[in-house]
Amino acid sequence: MASPNLIRWGGLAALLAGAFYIVEAAAAPFLEDYHWAFHALDAPAHALLAVGLVGLYLWQRRQGPFGWLGTVGVILIVTASVLITLGGLVIAFMDGVLGTEAEVLNDIVHPLELVVMMGAVLFGMATMRVNVLPSGGALLIMIGALVYFGIKIVGVGPDWLISVAVAIVGAGWVWLGQALWSESAESVQQLKRVR
């Protein structure tokens, strides 16, 4: 059984990941010529998301069956987020410090965002079904991810709408992370009282 503190810190990590997503969305139009700066924001967002998602997943599994849909979503998000974090750090170092472009790595890292968004839709659906964390946060994640898909794959809407979609997803992660941080804090206090 997972430690309540591990789950609680996962909530904080998800909240911070969402905040990074929102900052990244606001800064993205100004960083088009500075790939290293974009990846310097993107890498911590995905690192925190990978950690936060583990906490969100463990909390919901502890409350009842989370199902295969949510599990697949978690695996997709965590795997892609770890790869995006590692790739983003290398890109930020190569572009920002060494002054060399990492186009090939950039072409590998950016499509992984679609994997994260696909996992976010699955995770959001499972979260709404389990109904342990706020459904509104899960709905924001799903809406933002679907808008992102629509723009990236189908080509519906202007490019600036991508930043709006990322901010919506970020708001969803903030909402779920804050709910988990608060909820698990109460559980930790209850466990301390029982002991």
N, C-alpha and C. Protein backbone atom coordinates (compact mmCIF):
# COMPACT_ATOMS: atom_id res chain seq x y z
N MET A 1 0.84 -1.19 0.00
CA MET A 1 0.00 0.00 0.00
C MET A 1 0.88 1.24 0.00
N ALA A 2 0.51 2.20 -0.79
CA ALA A 2 1.29 3.43 -0.95
C ALA A 2 1.17 4.31 0.29
N SER A 3 2.28 4.96 0.60
CA SER A 3 2.32 5.88 1.73
C SER A 3 1.44 7.10 1.46
N PRO A 4 0.66 7.54 2.48
CA PRO A 4 -0.15 8.75 2.30
C PRO A 4 0.69 9.98 1.97
N ASN A 5 1.91 10.05 2.50
CA ASN A 5 2.79 11.18 2.19
C ASN A 5 3.21 11.17 0.73
N LEU A 6 3.49 9.97 0.18
CA LEU A 6 3.85 9.86 -1.23
C LEU A 6 2.70 10.35 -2.11
N ILE A 7 1.49 9.96 -1.76
CA ILE A 7 0.32 10.38 -2.52
C ILE A 7 0.13 11.89 -2.38
N ARG A 8 0.30 12.39 -1.18
CA ARG A 8 0.11 13.83 -0.94
C ARG A 8 1.10 14.65 -1.75
N TRP A 9 2.36 14.25 -1.75
CA TRP A 9 3.37 14.99 -2.52
C TRP A 9 3.11 14.86 -4.02
N GLY A 10 2.48 13.75 -4.43
CA GLY A 10 2.06 13.62 -5.82
C GLY A 10 1.04 14.67 -6.18
N GLY A 11 0.16 15.01 -5.24
CA GLY A 11 -0.81 16.07 -5.47
C GLY A 11 -0.14 17.41 -5.69
N LEU A 12 0.86 17.71 -4.87
CA LEU A 12 1.59 18.96 -5.02
C LEU A 12 2.34 18.99 -6.36
N ALA A 13 2.92 17.85 -6.74
CA ALA A 13 3.64 17.79 -8.02
C ALA A 13 2.69 18.02 -9.19
N ALA A 14 1.48 17.44 -9.14
CA ALA A 14 0.50 17.65 -10.20
C ALA A 14 0.06 19.11 -10.26
N LEU A 15 -0.13 19.71 -9.09
CA LEU A 15 -0.50 21.13 -9.03
C LEU A 15 0.60 22.00 -9.67
N LEU A 16 1.85 21.74 -9.32
CA LEU A 16 2.96 22.51 -9.88
C LEU A 16 3.12 22.25 -11.38
N ALA A 17 2.89 21.01 -11.81
CA ALA A 17 2.97 20.70 -13.24
C ALA A 17 1.94 21.51 -14.01
N GLY A 18 0.73 21.58 -13.47
CA GLY A 18 -0.31 22.37 -14.11
C GLY A 18 0.06 23.85 -14.17
N ALA A 19 0.67 24.35 -13.10
CA ALA A 19 1.10 25.76 -13.09
C ALA A 19 2.17 25.99 -14.16
N PHE A 20 3.10 25.05 -14.30
CA PHE A 20 4.11 25.16 -15.36
C PHE A 20 3.47 25.14 -16.74
N TYR A 21 2.46 24.30 -16.92
CA TYR A 21 1.74 24.25 -18.20
C TYR A 21 1.14 25.62 -18.53
N ILE A 22 0.54 26.26 -17.53
CA ILE A 22 -0.10 27.56 -17.75
C ILE A 22 0.95 28.62 -18.09
N VAL A 23 2.06 28.63 -17.36
CA VAL A 23 3.14 29.58 -17.64
C VAL A 23 3.72 29.32 -19.04
N GLU A 24 3.92 28.05 -19.35
CA GLU A 24 4.44 27.68 -20.67
C GLU A 24 3.50 28.14 -21.78
N ALA A 25 2.20 27.97 -21.58
CA ALA A 25 1.22 28.38 -22.58
C ALA A 25 1.25 29.90 -22.78
N ALA A 26 1.40 30.64 -21.69
CA ALA A 26 1.45 32.10 -21.79
C ALA A 26 2.75 32.57 -22.44
N ALA A 27 3.85 31.87 -22.19
CA ALA A 27 5.15 32.29 -22.70
C ALA A 27 5.45 31.78 -24.11
N ALA A 28 4.78 30.71 -24.54
CA ALA A 28 5.10 30.06 -25.82
C ALA A 28 5.15 31.01 -27.02
N PRO A 29 4.18 31.93 -27.18
CA PRO A 29 4.27 32.82 -28.35
C PRO A 29 5.52 33.70 -28.37
N PHE A 30 6.09 33.95 -27.20
CA PHE A 30 7.27 34.80 -27.12
C PHE A 30 8.57 34.01 -27.23
N LEU A 31 8.46 32.67 -27.20
CA LEU A 31 9.66 31.83 -27.20
C LEU A 31 9.85 31.07 -28.50
N GLU A 32 9.15 31.47 -29.56
CA GLU A 32 9.25 30.74 -30.83
C GLU A 32 10.67 30.68 -31.36
N ASP A 33 11.44 31.72 -31.15
CA ASP A 33 12.83 31.76 -31.63
C ASP A 33 13.82 31.23 -30.61
N TYR A 34 13.34 30.87 -29.43
CA TYR A 34 14.21 30.41 -28.35
C TYR A 34 13.78 29.02 -27.91
N HIS A 35 14.13 28.01 -28.71
CA HIS A 35 13.72 26.63 -28.39
C HIS A 35 14.24 26.19 -27.03
N TRP A 36 15.44 26.61 -26.68
CA TRP A 36 16.02 26.18 -25.41
C TRP A 36 15.19 26.70 -24.23
N ALA A 37 14.67 27.92 -24.34
CA ALA A 37 13.88 28.48 -23.24
C ALA A 37 12.54 27.77 -23.12
N PHE A 38 11.94 27.44 -24.26
CA PHE A 38 10.67 26.69 -24.22
C PHE A 38 10.89 25.34 -23.54
N HIS A 39 11.96 24.64 -23.91
CA HIS A 39 12.22 23.33 -23.32
C HIS A 39 12.65 23.44 -21.86
N ALA A 40 13.24 24.57 -21.50
CA ALA A 40 13.59 24.78 -20.09
C ALA A 40 12.33 24.90 -19.23
N LEU A 41 11.22 25.35 -19.80
CA LEU A 41 9.93 25.38 -19.09
C LEU A 41 9.20 24.04 -19.21
N ASP A 42 9.31 23.43 -20.38
CA ASP A 42 8.56 22.20 -20.68
C ASP A 42 9.10 21.00 -19.89
N ALA A 43 10.42 20.90 -19.74
CA ALA A 43 11.01 19.75 -19.06
C ALA A 43 10.54 19.62 -17.60
N PRO A 44 10.59 20.69 -16.79
CA PRO A 44 10.11 20.54 -15.42
C PRO A 44 8.60 20.27 -15.36
N ALA A 45 7.85 20.83 -16.30
CA ALA A 45 6.40 20.58 -16.31
C ALA A 45 6.13 19.09 -16.46
N HIS A 46 6.85 18.45 -17.36
CA HIS A 46 6.63 17.01 -17.60
C HIS A 46 7.22 16.15 -16.49
N ALA A 47 8.33 16.57 -15.91
CA ALA A 47 8.90 15.82 -14.79
C ALA A 47 7.92 15.83 -13.61
N LEU A 48 7.39 17.01 -13.31
CA LEU A 48 6.41 17.12 -12.22
C LEU A 48 5.12 16.36 -12.54
N LEU A 49 4.71 16.37 -13.81
CA LEU A 49 3.50 15.66 -14.20
C LEU A 49 3.67 14.16 -14.00
N ALA A 50 4.83 13.63 -14.37
CA ALA A 50 5.08 12.19 -14.20
C ALA A 50 4.97 11.80 -12.72
N VAL A 51 5.56 12.60 -11.85
CA VAL A 51 5.50 12.32 -10.40
C VAL A 51 4.08 12.51 -9.88
N GLY A 52 3.46 13.61 -10.29
CA GLY A 52 2.11 13.91 -9.82
C GLY A 52 1.09 12.87 -10.25
N LEU A 53 1.26 12.37 -11.45
CA LEU A 53 0.31 11.39 -11.96
C LEU A 53 0.35 10.09 -11.17
N VAL A 54 1.53 9.73 -10.71
CA VAL A 54 1.64 8.54 -9.87
C VAL A 54 0.81 8.72 -8.61
N GLY A 55 0.90 9.90 -7.98
CA GLY A 55 0.10 10.17 -6.79
C GLY A 55 -1.39 10.16 -7.08
N LEU A 56 -1.79 10.80 -8.18
CA LEU A 56 -3.21 10.83 -8.55
C LEU A 56 -3.73 9.41 -8.81
N TYR A 57 -2.92 8.63 -9.49
CA TYR A 57 -3.30 7.24 -9.80
C TYR A 57 -3.42 6.40 -8.53
N LEU A 58 -2.40 6.48 -7.66
CA LEU A 58 -2.43 5.67 -6.44
C LEU A 58 -3.61 6.05 -5.54
N TRP A 59 -3.92 7.34 -5.46
CA TRP A 59 -5.04 7.78 -4.63
C TRP A 59 -6.36 7.22 -5.16
N GLN A 60 -6.56 7.31 -6.45
CA GLN A 60 -7.82 6.84 -7.02
C GLN A 60 -7.93 5.32 -6.95
N ARG A 61 -6.82 4.63 -7.13
CA ARG A 61 -6.83 3.16 -7.00
C ARG A 61 -7.13 2.73 -5.57
N ARG A 62 -6.66 3.53 -4.62
CA ARG A 62 -6.89 3.21 -3.21
C ARG A 62 -8.38 3.33 -2.87
N GLN A 63 -9.10 4.22 -3.56
CA GLN A 63 -10.51 4.46 -3.28
C GLN A 63 -11.43 3.45 -3.94
N GLY A 64 -10.94 2.75 -4.95
CA GLY A 64 -11.76 1.78 -5.66
C GLY A 64 -11.11 1.40 -6.98
N PRO A 65 -11.75 0.56 -7.76
CA PRO A 65 -11.14 0.13 -9.02
C PRO A 65 -11.03 1.29 -10.02
N PHE A 66 -9.83 1.49 -10.53
CA PHE A 66 -9.58 2.58 -11.47
C PHE A 66 -9.74 2.12 -12.92
N GLY A 67 -9.58 0.83 -13.16
CA GLY A 67 -9.82 0.28 -14.49
C GLY A 67 -8.62 0.39 -15.42
N TRP A 68 -8.70 -0.34 -16.50
CA TRP A 68 -7.59 -0.41 -17.45
C TRP A 68 -7.44 0.89 -18.24
N LEU A 69 -8.54 1.59 -18.46
CA LEU A 69 -8.51 2.83 -19.23
C LEU A 69 -7.59 3.85 -18.56
N GLY A 70 -7.79 4.04 -17.26
CA GLY A 70 -6.96 4.98 -16.51
C GLY A 70 -5.53 4.50 -16.40
N THR A 71 -5.34 3.19 -16.24
CA THR A 71 -3.99 2.65 -16.14
C THR A 71 -3.22 2.87 -17.43
N VAL A 72 -3.85 2.63 -18.57
CA VAL A 72 -3.20 2.88 -19.86
C VAL A 72 -2.88 4.36 -20.00
N GLY A 73 -3.81 5.22 -19.59
CA GLY A 73 -3.56 6.67 -19.64
C GLY A 73 -2.35 7.06 -18.81
N VAL A 74 -2.25 6.51 -17.60
CA VAL A 74 -1.11 6.81 -16.72
C VAL A 74 0.19 6.34 -17.36
N ILE A 75 0.19 5.14 -17.91
CA ILE A 75 1.41 4.60 -18.53
C ILE A 75 1.84 5.48 -19.71
N LEU A 76 0.88 5.88 -20.54
CA LEU A 76 1.21 6.74 -21.69
C LEU A 76 1.78 8.08 -21.23
N ILE A 77 1.11 8.71 -20.26
CA ILE A 77 1.56 10.03 -19.81
C ILE A 77 2.92 9.96 -19.13
N VAL A 78 3.10 9.01 -18.22
CA VAL A 78 4.37 8.94 -17.48
C VAL A 78 5.52 8.61 -18.42
N THR A 79 5.33 7.63 -19.31
CA THR A 79 6.40 7.26 -20.23
C THR A 79 6.78 8.43 -21.14
N ALA A 80 5.78 9.03 -21.78
CA ALA A 80 6.05 10.16 -22.68
C ALA A 80 6.63 11.34 -21.92
N SER A 81 6.14 11.60 -20.70
CA SER A 81 6.64 12.73 -19.92
C SER A 81 8.10 12.56 -19.53
N VAL A 82 8.48 11.35 -19.18
CA VAL A 82 9.89 11.10 -18.84
C VAL A 82 10.77 11.32 -20.07
N LEU A 83 10.33 10.82 -21.23
CA LEU A 83 11.10 11.01 -22.46
C LEU A 83 11.16 12.49 -22.87
N ILE A 84 10.05 13.20 -22.71
CA ILE A 84 10.02 14.64 -23.02
C ILE A 84 10.95 15.40 -22.08
N THR A 85 10.96 15.04 -20.82
CA THR A 85 11.83 15.70 -19.85
C THR A 85 13.30 15.51 -20.21
N LEU A 86 13.68 14.27 -20.47
CA LEU A 86 15.08 13.98 -20.82
C LEU A 86 15.47 14.67 -22.13
N GLY A 87 14.61 14.54 -23.14
CA GLY A 87 14.89 15.18 -24.42
C GLY A 87 14.92 16.70 -24.31
N GLY A 88 13.99 17.25 -23.54
CA GLY A 88 13.94 18.70 -23.36
C GLY A 88 15.18 19.25 -22.67
N LEU A 89 15.68 18.52 -21.67
CA LEU A 89 16.90 18.95 -20.99
C LEU A 89 18.10 18.94 -21.93
N VAL A 90 18.18 17.90 -22.78
CA VAL A 90 19.27 17.84 -23.75
C VAL A 90 19.15 18.97 -24.76
N ILE A 91 17.93 19.23 -25.25
CA ILE A 91 17.72 20.32 -26.21
C ILE A 91 18.07 21.66 -25.57
N ALA A 92 17.61 21.89 -24.35
CA ALA A 92 17.91 23.15 -23.66
C ALA A 92 19.41 23.34 -23.48
N PHE A 93 20.10 22.26 -23.15
CA PHE A 93 21.56 22.34 -22.98
C PHE A 93 22.25 22.59 -24.31
N MET A 94 21.86 21.82 -25.34
CA MET A 94 22.53 21.97 -26.64
C MET A 94 22.27 23.35 -27.26
N ASP A 95 21.01 23.78 -27.23
CA ASP A 95 20.67 25.08 -27.84
C ASP A 95 21.13 26.26 -26.97
N GLY A 96 20.85 26.16 -25.68
CA GLY A 96 21.11 27.29 -24.80
C GLY A 96 22.54 27.44 -24.37
N VAL A 97 23.24 26.33 -24.12
CA VAL A 97 24.61 26.40 -23.61
C VAL A 97 25.64 26.23 -24.73
N LEU A 98 25.45 25.18 -25.54
CA LEU A 98 26.43 24.90 -26.59
C LEU A 98 26.19 25.72 -27.86
N GLY A 99 24.98 26.20 -28.03
CA GLY A 99 24.66 27.00 -29.21
C GLY A 99 24.47 26.18 -30.47
N THR A 100 24.25 24.88 -30.34
CA THR A 100 24.01 24.02 -31.51
C THR A 100 22.55 23.61 -31.53
N GLU A 101 21.98 23.53 -32.71
CA GLU A 101 20.57 23.16 -32.83
C GLU A 101 20.41 21.64 -32.73
N ALA A 102 19.39 21.23 -32.06
CA ALA A 102 19.08 19.81 -31.88
C ALA A 102 17.80 19.48 -32.62
N GLU A 103 17.78 19.74 -33.92
CA GLU A 103 16.56 19.57 -34.72
C GLU A 103 16.04 18.14 -34.70
N VAL A 104 16.95 17.16 -34.82
CA VAL A 104 16.51 15.76 -34.86
C VAL A 104 15.84 15.40 -33.54
N LEU A 105 16.46 15.77 -32.44
CA LEU A 105 15.87 15.48 -31.13
C LEU A 105 14.57 16.24 -30.94
N ASN A 106 14.52 17.46 -31.42
CA ASN A 106 13.31 18.27 -31.35
C ASN A 106 12.16 17.59 -32.11
N ASP A 107 12.48 16.99 -33.27
CA ASP A 107 11.48 16.29 -34.07
C ASP A 107 10.99 15.01 -33.40
N ILE A 108 11.78 14.47 -32.48
CA ILE A 108 11.37 13.27 -31.74
C ILE A 108 10.54 13.66 -30.52
N VAL A 109 10.94 14.72 -29.84
CA VAL A 109 10.30 15.12 -28.58
C VAL A 109 8.89 15.69 -28.80
N HIS A 110 8.73 16.54 -29.80
CA HIS A 110 7.44 17.22 -29.97
C HIS A 110 6.26 16.27 -30.24
N PRO A 111 6.42 15.22 -31.06
CA PRO A 111 5.28 14.30 -31.23
C PRO A 111 4.88 13.56 -29.96
N LEU A 112 5.79 13.47 -29.00
CA LEU A 112 5.45 12.81 -27.73
C LEU A 112 4.38 13.57 -26.96
N GLU A 113 4.23 14.87 -27.25
CA GLU A 113 3.16 15.67 -26.63
C GLU A 113 1.79 15.07 -26.98
N LEU A 114 1.67 14.54 -28.19
CA LEU A 114 0.41 13.91 -28.60
C LEU A 114 0.12 12.67 -27.76
N VAL A 115 1.18 11.93 -27.41
CA VAL A 115 1.01 10.74 -26.55
C VAL A 115 0.53 11.18 -25.17
N VAL A 116 1.11 12.27 -24.65
CA VAL A 116 0.69 12.79 -23.34
C VAL A 116 -0.79 13.17 -23.40
N MET A 117 -1.19 13.86 -24.46
CA MET A 117 -2.58 14.30 -24.58
C MET A 117 -3.54 13.12 -24.75
N MET A 118 -3.10 12.08 -25.48
CA MET A 118 -3.92 10.88 -25.62
C MET A 118 -4.13 10.22 -24.25
N GLY A 119 -3.03 10.11 -23.50
CA GLY A 119 -3.13 9.56 -22.15
C GLY A 119 -3.98 10.42 -21.25
N ALA A 120 -3.92 11.74 -21.44
CA ALA A 120 -4.72 12.66 -20.62
C ALA A 120 -6.22 12.45 -20.84
N VAL A 121 -6.61 12.19 -22.08
CA VAL A 121 -8.02 11.92 -22.36
C VAL A 121 -8.45 10.64 -21.66
N LEU A 122 -7.65 9.59 -21.76
CA LEU A 122 -7.99 8.31 -21.10
C LEU A 122 -8.02 8.46 -19.58
N PHE A 123 -7.02 9.15 -19.03
CA PHE A 123 -6.96 9.37 -17.59
C PHE A 123 -8.15 10.21 -17.11
N GLY A 124 -8.49 11.24 -17.87
CA GLY A 124 -9.63 12.08 -17.52
C GLY A 124 -10.94 11.30 -17.52
N MET A 125 -11.12 10.43 -18.53
CA MET A 125 -12.33 9.61 -18.58
C MET A 125 -12.41 8.68 -17.37
N ALA A 126 -11.30 8.04 -17.02
CA ALA A 126 -11.27 7.14 -15.88
C ALA A 126 -11.52 7.90 -14.58
N THR A 127 -10.94 9.10 -14.45
CA THR A 127 -11.13 9.91 -13.25
C THR A 127 -12.59 10.30 -13.09
N MET A 128 -13.24 10.66 -14.18
CA MET A 128 -14.66 11.01 -14.10
C MET A 128 -15.51 9.80 -13.72
N ARG A 129 -15.11 8.64 -14.22
CA ARG A 129 -15.88 7.42 -13.93
C ARG A 129 -15.74 7.03 -12.46
N VAL A 130 -14.52 7.10 -11.93
CA VAL A 130 -14.28 6.73 -10.54
C VAL A 130 -14.92 7.75 -9.59
N ASN A 131 -14.89 9.05 -9.97
CA ASN A 131 -15.54 10.12 -9.23
C ASN A 131 -15.03 10.27 -7.80
N VAL A 132 -13.71 10.19 -7.65
CA VAL A 132 -13.06 10.41 -6.35
C VAL A 132 -12.50 11.82 -6.28
N LEU A 133 -11.88 12.25 -7.38
CA LEU A 133 -11.35 13.61 -7.50
C LEU A 133 -12.34 14.45 -8.29
N PRO A 134 -12.23 15.77 -8.28
CA PRO A 134 -13.20 16.62 -8.96
C PRO A 134 -13.33 16.32 -10.46
N SER A 135 -14.55 16.05 -10.87
CA SER A 135 -14.80 15.77 -12.28
C SER A 135 -14.52 16.99 -13.15
N GLY A 136 -14.66 18.19 -12.60
CA GLY A 136 -14.38 19.40 -13.36
C GLY A 136 -12.93 19.47 -13.81
N GLY A 137 -12.00 19.07 -12.95
CA GLY A 137 -10.59 19.06 -13.32
C GLY A 137 -10.32 18.06 -14.43
N ALA A 138 -10.93 16.88 -14.31
CA ALA A 138 -10.77 15.86 -15.35
C ALA A 138 -11.37 16.32 -16.66
N LEU A 139 -12.50 17.01 -16.59
CA LEU A 139 -13.15 17.52 -17.80
C LEU A 139 -12.29 18.58 -18.48
N LEU A 140 -11.66 19.47 -17.71
CA LEU A 140 -10.76 20.46 -18.29
C LEU A 140 -9.59 19.79 -19.02
N ILE A 141 -9.04 18.76 -18.40
CA ILE A 141 -7.93 18.04 -19.02
C ILE A 141 -8.37 17.42 -20.35
N MET A 142 -9.54 16.81 -20.35
CA MET A 142 -10.04 16.17 -21.57
C MET A 142 -10.34 17.19 -22.66
N ILE A 143 -10.98 18.28 -22.29
CA ILE A 143 -11.32 19.33 -23.29
C ILE A 143 -10.05 19.92 -23.89
N GLY A 144 -9.10 20.29 -23.03
CA GLY A 144 -7.84 20.85 -23.52
C GLY A 144 -7.10 19.88 -24.42
N ALA A 145 -7.05 18.61 -24.03
CA ALA A 145 -6.35 17.60 -24.83
C ALA A 145 -7.03 17.40 -26.18
N LEU A 146 -8.36 17.38 -26.19
CA LEU A 146 -9.08 17.20 -27.46
C LEU A 146 -8.92 18.40 -28.38
N VAL A 147 -8.90 19.61 -27.82
CA VAL A 147 -8.64 20.81 -28.64
C VAL A 147 -7.24 20.74 -29.21
N TYR A 148 -6.28 20.33 -28.39
CA TYR A 148 -4.90 20.17 -28.85
C TYR A 148 -4.83 19.20 -30.02
N PHE A 149 -5.50 18.04 -29.87
CA PHE A 149 -5.56 17.05 -30.95
C PHE A 149 -6.17 17.64 -32.21
N GLY A 150 -7.27 18.34 -32.05
CA GLY A 150 -7.95 18.92 -33.20
C GLY A 150 -7.05 19.84 -34.00
N ILE A 151 -6.25 20.62 -33.30
CA ILE A 151 -5.36 21.57 -33.98
C ILE A 151 -4.17 20.85 -34.59
N LYS A 152 -3.53 19.97 -33.82
CA LYS A 152 -2.31 19.32 -34.27
C LYS A 152 -2.55 18.28 -35.37
N ILE A 153 -3.59 17.49 -35.24
CA ILE A 153 -3.80 16.39 -36.18
C ILE A 153 -4.74 16.78 -37.32
N VAL A 154 -5.88 17.35 -36.98
CA VAL A 154 -6.88 17.67 -37.99
C VAL A 154 -6.60 19.03 -38.62
N GLY A 155 -5.94 19.90 -37.91
CA GLY A 155 -5.65 21.23 -38.44
C GLY A 155 -6.80 22.21 -38.27
N VAL A 156 -7.64 21.95 -37.27
CA VAL A 156 -8.78 22.83 -37.01
C VAL A 156 -8.34 23.97 -36.11
N GLY A 157 -8.54 25.20 -36.51
CA GLY A 157 -8.26 26.35 -35.66
C GLY A 157 -6.86 26.91 -35.83
N PRO A 158 -6.65 28.13 -35.35
CA PRO A 158 -5.34 28.80 -35.46
C PRO A 158 -4.34 28.22 -34.46
N ASP A 159 -3.05 28.43 -34.74
CA ASP A 159 -1.99 27.90 -33.89
C ASP A 159 -2.00 28.47 -32.48
N TRP A 160 -2.42 29.73 -32.30
CA TRP A 160 -2.42 30.32 -30.96
C TRP A 160 -3.39 29.59 -30.04
N LEU A 161 -4.34 28.85 -30.64
CA LEU A 161 -5.29 28.09 -29.84
C LEU A 161 -4.62 26.92 -29.12
N ILE A 162 -3.44 26.51 -29.63
CA ILE A 162 -2.68 25.46 -28.94
C ILE A 162 -2.31 25.92 -27.54
N SER A 163 -1.90 27.18 -27.42
CA SER A 163 -1.55 27.71 -26.09
C SER A 163 -2.76 27.72 -25.17
N VAL A 164 -3.92 28.02 -25.71
CA VAL A 164 -5.16 28.00 -24.92
C VAL A 164 -5.45 26.57 -24.46
N ALA A 165 -5.29 25.61 -25.37
CA ALA A 165 -5.54 24.21 -25.02
C ALA A 165 -4.58 23.74 -23.92
N VAL A 166 -3.31 24.11 -24.03
CA VAL A 166 -2.32 23.72 -23.02
C VAL A 166 -2.66 24.37 -21.67
N ALA A 167 -3.10 25.62 -21.69
CA ALA A 167 -3.49 26.29 -20.44
C ALA A 167 -4.70 25.61 -19.81
N ILE A 168 -5.65 25.17 -20.62
CA ILE A 168 -6.83 24.47 -20.10
C ILE A 168 -6.41 23.16 -19.45
N VAL A 169 -5.53 22.41 -20.13
CA VAL A 169 -5.03 21.16 -19.54
C VAL A 169 -4.31 21.47 -18.23
N GLY A 170 -3.49 22.51 -18.23
CA GLY A 170 -2.78 22.90 -17.01
C GLY A 170 -3.72 23.23 -15.87
N ALA A 171 -4.80 23.94 -16.18
CA ALA A 171 -5.79 24.27 -15.14
C ALA A 171 -6.41 23.00 -14.57
N GLY A 172 -6.63 22.02 -15.43
CA GLY A 172 -7.17 20.74 -14.95
C GLY A 172 -6.21 20.02 -14.02
N TRP A 173 -4.92 20.02 -14.37
CA TRP A 173 -3.93 19.39 -13.49
C TRP A 173 -3.82 20.13 -12.16
N VAL A 174 -3.89 21.47 -12.21
CA VAL A 174 -3.86 22.26 -10.97
C VAL A 174 -5.04 21.87 -10.09
N TRP A 175 -6.22 21.78 -10.68
CA TRP A 175 -7.44 21.46 -9.93
C TRP A 175 -7.33 20.08 -9.28
N LEU A 176 -6.94 19.07 -10.07
CA LEU A 176 -6.81 17.72 -9.51
C LEU A 176 -5.70 17.65 -8.47
N GLY A 177 -4.57 18.31 -8.76
CA GLY A 177 -3.46 18.29 -7.81
C GLY A 177 -3.81 18.95 -6.49
N GLN A 178 -4.50 20.08 -6.57
CA GLN A 178 -4.91 20.78 -5.35
C GLN A 178 -5.90 19.94 -4.55
N ALA A 179 -6.82 19.29 -5.25
CA ALA A 179 -7.80 18.43 -4.57
C ALA A 179 -7.10 17.27 -3.87
N LEU A 180 -6.14 16.65 -4.55
CA LEU A 180 -5.40 15.54 -3.95
C LEU A 180 -4.56 16.02 -2.78
N TRP A 181 -3.90 17.16 -2.93
CA TRP A 181 -3.07 17.73 -1.86
C TRP A 181 -3.93 17.95 -0.61
N SER A 182 -5.10 18.52 -0.78
CA SER A 182 -6.00 18.79 0.34
C SER A 182 -6.58 17.51 0.93
N GLU A 183 -7.07 16.65 0.06
CA GLU A 183 -7.72 15.40 0.48
C GLU A 183 -6.74 14.49 1.20
N SER A 184 -5.56 14.33 0.64
CA SER A 184 -4.59 13.42 1.25
C SER A 184 -4.02 14.02 2.53
N ALA A 185 -3.99 15.34 2.66
CA ALA A 185 -3.53 15.97 3.90
C ALA A 185 -4.46 15.58 5.04
N GLU A 186 -5.76 15.57 4.76
CA GLU A 186 -6.74 15.15 5.78
C GLU A 186 -6.53 13.69 6.15
N SER A 187 -6.22 12.85 5.16
CA SER A 187 -6.00 11.42 5.43
C SER A 187 -4.76 11.22 6.29
N VAL A 188 -3.70 11.98 6.01
CA VAL A 188 -2.48 11.87 6.81
C VAL A 188 -2.76 12.27 8.25
N GLN A 189 -3.52 13.34 8.45
CA GLN A 189 -3.87 13.78 9.80
C GLN A 189 -4.70 12.72 10.52
N GLN A 190 -5.64 12.10 9.80
CA GLN A 190 -6.46 11.05 10.41
C GLN A 190 -5.61 9.86 10.81
N LEU A 191 -4.63 9.47 9.96
CA LEU A 191 -3.75 8.36 10.30
C LEU A 191 -2.92 8.69 11.53
N LYS A 192 -2.47 9.92 11.66
CA LYS A 192 -1.67 10.32 12.83
C LYS A 192 -2.51 10.26 14.10
N ARG A 193 -3.80 10.64 13.97
CA ARG A 193 -4.69 10.59 15.15
C ARG A 193 -4.96 9.16 15.58
N VAL A 194 -5.06 8.23 14.61
CA VAL A 194 -5.33 6.83 14.94
C VAL A 194 -4.15 6.20 15.65
N ARG A 195 -2.94 6.59 15.24
CA ARG A 195 -1.73 6.02 15.86
C ARG A 195 -1.60 6.58 17.22
